[in-house]
Amino acid sequence: MAKGRQGRMPQGGMMAQVQQMQARLAKAQEEIAAATVEGTSGGGAVKVVMSGSMACKDVVIAPELLDDADVAMLQDLVVAAVNQAIQQAQVLTEDKMAPITGGLGSMMGFGG
């Protein structure tokens, strides 16, 4: 027995919903790219500023860290700050995409 069209959304309505979702996704992606996040380490002695799309914008190192000239420690602090900034960018992406994707954002490649 063939099923009727009951319970099915008209083709035009579905297309309109898809277009709305695409517009919301594009807007969210623009907002994410324009946003900045920060990661810090060493009690704020190293700060990394990153875009929401995970492009490093700035690295700030407190001058007093250079007085000791402990290169290994400085490298570790930079890595920690970068990783924290990446995590913040992922959280930002998930927060912006979740209302649009219904929590499927990470499965779709948005966020971590």
C-alpha atoms as a PDB file:
ATOM      1  CA  MET A   1       0.000   0.000   0.000  1.00  0.00           C
ATOM      2  CA  ALA A   2       1.446   3.336  -1.013  1.00  0.00           C
ATOM      3  CA  LYS A   3       1.931   5.911   1.685  1.00  0.00           C
ATOM      4  CA  GLY A   4       0.211   9.243   1.302  1.00  0.00           C
ATOM      5  CA  ARG A   5       1.857  12.619   1.672  1.00  0.00           C
ATOM      6  CA  GLN A   6       0.548  13.056   5.197  1.00  0.00           C
ATOM      7  CA  GLY A   7       3.201  14.093   7.683  1.00  0.00           C
ATOM      8  CA  ARG A   8       5.614  15.155   4.965  1.00  0.00           C
ATOM      9  CA  MET A   9       6.782  18.705   4.592  1.00  0.00           C
ATOM     10  CA  PRO A  10       6.110  20.298   1.224  1.00  0.00           C
ATOM     11  CA  GLN A  11       9.257  20.467  -0.904  1.00  0.00           C
ATOM     12  CA  GLY A  12       9.308  24.285  -0.875  1.00  0.00           C
ATOM     13  CA  GLY A  13       9.100  24.391   2.933  1.00  0.00           C
ATOM     14  CA  MET A  14      12.038  22.055   3.310  1.00  0.00           C
ATOM     15  CA  MET A  15      14.132  24.056   0.872  1.00  0.00           C
ATOM     16  CA  ALA A  16      13.308  27.251   2.756  1.00  0.00           C
ATOM     17  CA  GLN A  17      14.439  25.623   6.012  1.00  0.00           C
ATOM     18  CA  VAL A  18      17.671  24.418   4.417  1.00  0.00           C
ATOM     19  CA  GLN A  19      18.364  27.897   3.063  1.00  0.00           C
ATOM     20  CA  GLN A  20      17.674  29.439   6.474  1.00  0.00           C
ATOM     21  CA  MET A  21      20.050  26.983   8.131  1.00  0.00           C
ATOM     22  CA  GLN A  22      22.740  27.712   5.531  1.00  0.00           C
ATOM     23  CA  ALA A  23      22.367  31.444   6.177  1.00  0.00           C
ATOM     24  CA  ARG A  24      22.576  30.919   9.950  1.00  0.00           C
ATOM     25  CA  LEU A  25      25.657  28.715   9.541  1.00  0.00           C
ATOM     26  CA  ALA A  26      27.364  31.289   7.320  1.00  0.00           C
ATOM     27  CA  LYS A  27      26.599  34.058   9.826  1.00  0.00           C
ATOM     28  CA  ALA A  28      27.899  31.965  12.720  1.00  0.00           C
ATOM     29  CA  GLN A  29      31.087  31.151  10.799  1.00  0.00           C
ATOM     30  CA  GLU A  30      31.646  34.863  10.110  1.00  0.00           C
ATOM     31  CA  GLU A  31      31.124  35.666  13.799  1.00  0.00           C
ATOM     32  CA  ILE A  32      33.554  32.934  14.813  1.00  0.00           C
ATOM     33  CA  ALA A  33      36.236  34.152  12.387  1.00  0.00           C
ATOM     34  CA  ALA A  34      35.819  37.750  13.632  1.00  0.00           C
ATOM     35  CA  ALA A  35      35.967  36.799  17.320  1.00  0.00           C
ATOM     36  CA  THR A  36      39.187  36.515  19.293  1.00  0.00           C
ATOM     37  CA  VAL A  37      40.064  34.248  22.180  1.00  0.00           C
ATOM     38  CA  GLU A  38      43.024  34.270  24.550  1.00  0.00           C
ATOM     39  CA  GLY A  39      45.137  31.610  26.127  1.00  0.00           C
ATOM     40  CA  THR A  40      47.499  32.382  28.971  1.00  0.00           C
ATOM     41  CA  SER A  41      50.103  30.520  30.955  1.00  0.00           C
ATOM     42  CA  GLY A  42      52.581  31.260  33.691  1.00  0.00           C
ATOM     43  CA  GLY A  43      50.028  33.340  35.570  1.00  0.00           C
ATOM     44  CA  GLY A  44      49.560  35.589  32.549  1.00  0.00           C
ATOM     45  CA  ALA A  45      53.265  35.892  31.739  1.00  0.00           C
ATOM     46  CA  VAL A  46      52.574  34.484  28.270  1.00  0.00           C
ATOM     47  CA  LYS A  47      49.419  35.385  26.371  1.00  0.00           C
ATOM     48  CA  VAL A  48      48.323  34.125  22.957  1.00  0.00           C
ATOM     49  CA  VAL A  49      45.526  35.846  21.062  1.00  0.00           C
ATOM     50  CA  MET A  50      43.860  33.739  18.400  1.00  0.00           C
ATOM     51  CA  SER A  51      40.940  34.214  16.038  1.00  0.00           C
ATOM     52  CA  GLY A  52      37.924  31.992  16.435  1.00  0.00           C
ATOM     53  CA  SER A  53      39.062  30.255  13.262  1.00  0.00           C
ATOM     54  CA  MET A  54      42.304  29.375  15.090  1.00  0.00           C
ATOM     55  CA  ALA A  55      44.698  31.772  13.383  1.00  0.00           C
ATOM     56  CA  CYS A  56      47.308  33.077  15.823  1.00  0.00           C
ATOM     57  CA  LYS A  57      47.032  36.870  15.977  1.00  0.00           C
ATOM     58  CA  ASP A  58      49.460  37.821  18.734  1.00  0.00           C
ATOM     59  CA  VAL A  59      51.880  36.410  21.279  1.00  0.00           C
ATOM     60  CA  VAL A  60      52.722  38.583  24.277  1.00  0.00           C
ATOM     61  CA  ILE A  61      55.597  37.626  26.572  1.00  0.00           C
ATOM     62  CA  ALA A  62      56.192  39.490  29.819  1.00  0.00           C
ATOM     63  CA  PRO A  63      59.672  41.081  29.646  1.00  0.00           C
ATOM     64  CA  GLU A  64      60.625  39.706  33.070  1.00  0.00           C
ATOM     65  CA  LEU A  65      60.498  36.175  31.649  1.00  0.00           C
ATOM     66  CA  LEU A  66      63.403  37.091  29.382  1.00  0.00           C
ATOM     67  CA  ASP A  67      65.532  38.226  32.336  1.00  0.00           C
ATOM     68  CA  ASP A  68      65.981  34.622  33.447  1.00  0.00           C
ATOM     69  CA  ALA A  69      66.645  33.439  29.872  1.00  0.00           C
ATOM     70  CA  ASP A  70      65.143  30.013  30.596  1.00  0.00           C
ATOM     71  CA  VAL A  71      64.359  29.111  26.992  1.00  0.00           C
ATOM     72  CA  ALA A  72      62.879  25.698  27.772  1.00  0.00           C
ATOM     73  CA  MET A  73      60.431  27.183  30.276  1.00  0.00           C
ATOM     74  CA  LEU A  74      59.458  29.943  27.850  1.00  0.00           C
ATOM     75  CA  GLN A  75      58.821  27.398  25.106  1.00  0.00           C
ATOM     76  CA  ASP A  76      56.641  25.331  27.441  1.00  0.00           C
ATOM     77  CA  LEU A  77      54.661  28.415  28.454  1.00  0.00           C
ATOM     78  CA  VAL A  78      54.088  29.411  24.817  1.00  0.00           C
ATOM     79  CA  VAL A  79      52.888  25.898  23.939  1.00  0.00           C
ATOM     80  CA  ALA A  80      50.534  25.883  26.936  1.00  0.00           C
ATOM     81  CA  ALA A  81      49.088  29.290  26.012  1.00  0.00           C
ATOM     82  CA  VAL A  82      48.609  28.273  22.370  1.00  0.00           C
ATOM     83  CA  ASN A  83      46.849  25.068  23.394  1.00  0.00           C
ATOM     84  CA  GLN A  84      44.575  26.975  25.759  1.00  0.00           C
ATOM     85  CA  ALA A  85      43.706  29.480  23.012  1.00  0.00           C
ATOM     86  CA  ILE A  86      42.898  26.613  20.613  1.00  0.00           C
ATOM     87  CA  GLN A  87      40.630  25.080  23.239  1.00  0.00           C
ATOM     88  CA  GLN A  88      38.877  28.433  23.708  1.00  0.00           C
ATOM     89  CA  ALA A  89      38.374  28.740  19.938  1.00  0.00           C
ATOM     90  CA  GLN A  90      36.860  25.245  19.860  1.00  0.00           C
ATOM     91  CA  VAL A  91      34.487  26.117  22.703  1.00  0.00           C
ATOM     92  CA  LEU A  92      33.499  29.320  20.883  1.00  0.00           C
ATOM     93  CA  THR A  93      32.777  27.345  17.716  1.00  0.00           C
ATOM     94  CA  GLU A  94      30.725  24.741  19.564  1.00  0.00           C
ATOM     95  CA  ASP A  95      28.757  27.461  21.385  1.00  0.00           C
ATOM     96  CA  LYS A  96      27.957  29.291  18.142  1.00  0.00           C
ATOM     97  CA  MET A  97      27.123  26.166  16.136  1.00  0.00           C
ATOM     98  CA  ALA A  98      25.144  24.128  18.693  1.00  0.00           C
ATOM     99  CA  PRO A  99      21.928  26.165  18.392  1.00  0.00           C
ATOM    100  CA  ILE A 100      22.039  25.771  14.612  1.00  0.00           C
ATOM    101  CA  THR A 101      23.153  22.169  14.295  1.00  0.00           C
ATOM    102  CA  GLY A 102      21.272  20.831  17.299  1.00  0.00           C
ATOM    103  CA  GLY A 103      24.506  19.624  18.881  1.00  0.00           C
ATOM    104  CA  LEU A 104      25.706  17.873  15.741  1.00  0.00           C
ATOM    105  CA  GLY A 105      28.380  20.522  15.108  1.00  0.00           C
ATOM    106  CA  SER A 106      31.310  18.434  16.260  1.00  0.00           C
ATOM    107  CA  MET A 107      30.158  15.577  14.010  1.00  0.00           C
ATOM    108  CA  MET A 108      29.985  18.025  11.104  1.00  0.00           C
ATOM    109  CA  GLY A 109      33.524  19.273  11.668  1.00  0.00           C
ATOM    110  CA  PHE A 110      32.679  22.396  13.669  1.00  0.00           C
ATOM    111  CA  GLY A 111      34.573  22.550  16.914  1.00  0.00           C
ATOM    112  CA  GLY A 112      36.491  19.876  18.690  1.00  0.00           C
END
